[in-house]
Amino acid sequence: MKKTKEQISYNMSRIKNKDSKIELMLREELWKRGLRYRKNVNHITGKPDMAFIGKKVAVFCDSEFWHGFDWEKRRDDLKSNKEFWVKKIERNMQRDEEVNKALSEDGWTVLRFWGKEIKRDVTACADIIEEAVKKNG
């Protein structure tokens, strides 16, 4: 059954931009390890999902759709309102690069994880974060 534009718009508006399942999984693992962070810090470029401010480590949990995972292949999967979505997702990808560059130039370590990476092995993702925090400490 084909969805109307209104149904699609409503569904997309319900997608959370913070406290997503992948963020909660990773935050829980970091908390268990005694790693303390700030969430969604407004004054840091890009508003990282988690920031270790004193250590200058910024962590982003990127969902595959919104951040363009495997974009060259996935772009063709879009069926409705393709022009809008291509423009939006490509701008998100560009913004991610700009944020990475700005934070790196300011001395931050930037870590980005795809949602499927977190779901597949949250421990490995947390290991990478823990190592970066220790290295910057």
Protein backbone atom coordinates (compact mmCIF):
# COMPACT_ATOMS: atom_id res chain seq x y z
CA MET A 1 0.00 0.00 0.00
CA LYS A 2 1.42 3.35 -1.07
CA LYS A 3 1.66 6.02 1.64
CA THR A 4 0.50 9.56 1.07
CA LYS A 5 2.90 12.49 1.30
CA GLU A 6 1.20 13.47 4.56
CA GLN A 7 1.75 9.99 6.06
CA ILE A 8 5.40 9.99 5.02
CA SER A 9 5.89 13.50 6.39
CA TYR A 10 4.27 12.53 9.69
CA ASN A 11 6.41 9.39 10.01
CA MET A 12 9.62 11.31 9.29
CA SER A 13 8.73 14.00 11.84
CA ARG A 14 8.47 11.31 14.55
CA ILE A 15 12.11 10.26 14.18
CA LYS A 16 14.04 11.33 17.26
CA ASN A 17 17.20 13.37 16.92
CA LYS A 18 18.44 12.66 20.42
CA ASP A 19 18.16 9.78 22.87
CA SER A 20 17.84 7.36 19.97
CA LYS A 21 18.23 3.64 20.57
CA ILE A 22 21.81 3.64 19.28
CA GLU A 23 22.76 6.57 21.53
CA LEU A 24 21.19 4.93 24.57
CA MET A 25 23.04 1.66 23.88
CA LEU A 26 26.39 3.40 23.63
CA ARG A 27 25.79 5.71 26.59
CA GLU A 28 24.82 2.77 28.80
CA GLU A 29 28.03 0.94 27.91
CA LEU A 30 30.17 4.03 28.56
CA TRP A 31 28.41 4.68 31.87
CA LYS A 32 29.09 1.09 33.01
CA ARG A 33 32.78 1.75 32.38
CA GLY A 34 32.72 4.85 34.55
CA LEU A 35 33.14 7.18 31.57
CA ARG A 36 31.24 10.41 32.15
CA TYR A 37 30.22 12.70 29.33
CA ARG A 38 27.88 15.56 28.48
CA LYS A 39 24.96 14.96 26.11
CA ASN A 40 24.06 17.14 23.12
CA VAL A 41 26.25 20.09 24.13
CA ASN A 42 24.97 23.19 22.34
CA HIS A 43 28.13 25.27 22.58
CA ILE A 44 30.33 22.65 20.87
CA THR A 45 30.40 22.75 17.07
CA GLY A 46 28.03 20.15 15.64
CA LYS A 47 26.33 19.52 19.01
CA PRO A 48 27.89 16.06 19.55
CA ASP A 49 25.72 13.28 20.91
CA MET A 50 28.33 12.83 23.64
CA ALA A 51 31.22 15.08 24.56
CA PHE A 52 34.11 14.52 26.92
CA ILE A 53 34.78 18.22 27.28
CA GLY A 54 38.00 18.16 29.33
CA LYS A 55 39.45 15.49 27.05
CA LYS A 56 38.19 17.14 23.86
CA VAL A 57 36.55 14.00 22.49
CA ALA A 58 33.31 14.41 20.51
CA VAL A 59 31.17 11.37 19.70
CA PHE A 60 28.45 11.23 17.05
CA CYS A 61 26.01 8.35 16.54
CA ASP A 62 24.95 8.58 12.90
CA SER A 63 21.93 6.80 11.50
CA GLU A 64 22.46 5.33 8.06
CA PHE A 65 19.56 7.10 6.36
CA TRP A 66 20.10 10.65 7.60
CA HIS A 67 23.88 10.64 7.23
CA GLY A 68 24.15 8.88 3.87
CA PHE A 69 25.70 5.49 4.60
CA ASP A 70 26.75 3.80 1.33
CA TRP A 71 25.23 6.81 -0.40
CA GLU A 72 26.29 6.04 -3.95
CA LYS A 73 24.17 2.89 -3.86
CA ARG A 74 21.41 4.01 -1.51
CA ARG A 75 20.61 7.26 -3.33
CA ASP A 76 18.89 5.26 -6.06
CA ASP A 77 16.66 3.52 -3.49
CA LEU A 78 14.72 6.73 -2.84
CA LYS A 79 11.36 6.56 -4.58
CA SER A 80 9.24 9.49 -3.48
CA ASN A 81 10.29 13.13 -3.33
CA LYS A 82 13.75 12.05 -4.46
CA GLU A 83 15.04 15.54 -5.27
CA PHE A 84 14.22 16.78 -1.76
CA TRP A 85 15.80 13.80 0.02
CA VAL A 86 18.96 13.74 -2.10
CA LYS A 87 19.51 17.44 -1.41
CA LYS A 88 18.80 17.05 2.32
CA ILE A 89 20.98 14.00 2.90
CA GLU A 90 23.87 15.33 0.81
CA ARG A 91 23.73 18.55 2.85
CA ASN A 92 23.84 16.47 6.05
CA MET A 93 26.91 14.66 4.74
CA GLN A 94 28.56 17.97 3.86
CA ARG A 95 27.73 19.38 7.30
CA ASP A 96 29.24 16.28 8.95
CA GLU A 97 32.50 16.94 7.08
CA GLU A 98 32.44 20.63 8.06
CA VAL A 99 31.85 19.73 11.72
CA ASN A 100 34.66 17.14 11.68
CA LYS A 101 37.06 19.68 10.18
CA ALA A 102 36.11 22.50 12.58
CA LEU A 103 36.39 20.29 15.66
CA SER A 104 39.68 18.75 14.51
CA GLU A 105 41.15 22.19 13.86
CA ASP A 106 40.15 23.14 17.40
CA GLY A 107 42.02 20.14 18.83
CA TRP A 108 39.10 17.75 19.26
CA THR A 109 39.17 14.04 18.53
CA VAL A 110 36.03 13.31 16.51
CA LEU A 111 34.52 9.83 16.58
CA ARG A 112 31.59 8.88 14.38
CA PHE A 113 29.79 5.57 14.56
CA TRP A 114 27.12 4.22 12.25
CA GLY A 115 24.02 2.94 13.98
CA LYS A 116 24.60 -0.56 12.65
CA GLU A 117 28.15 -0.56 14.07
CA ILE A 118 26.77 0.27 17.52
CA LYS A 119 24.04 -2.36 17.27
CA ARG A 120 26.46 -5.03 16.02
CA ASP A 121 29.20 -4.45 18.62
CA VAL A 122 28.60 -1.71 21.18
CA THR A 123 31.58 -2.97 23.20
CA ALA A 124 34.02 -2.36 20.33
CA CYS A 125 32.63 1.15 19.81
CA ALA A 126 32.97 1.91 23.52
CA ASP A 127 36.54 0.54 23.44
CA ILE A 128 37.43 3.08 20.75
CA ILE A 129 35.91 5.92 22.76
CA GLU A 130 37.60 4.81 25.97
CA GLU A 131 40.96 4.65 24.22
CA ALA A 132 40.52 8.18 22.82
CA VAL A 133 39.53 9.55 26.22
CA LYS A 134 42.58 7.94 27.88
CA LYS A 135 44.88 9.14 25.09
CA ASN A 136 43.64 12.73 25.48
CA GLY A 137 43.85 12.59 29.27
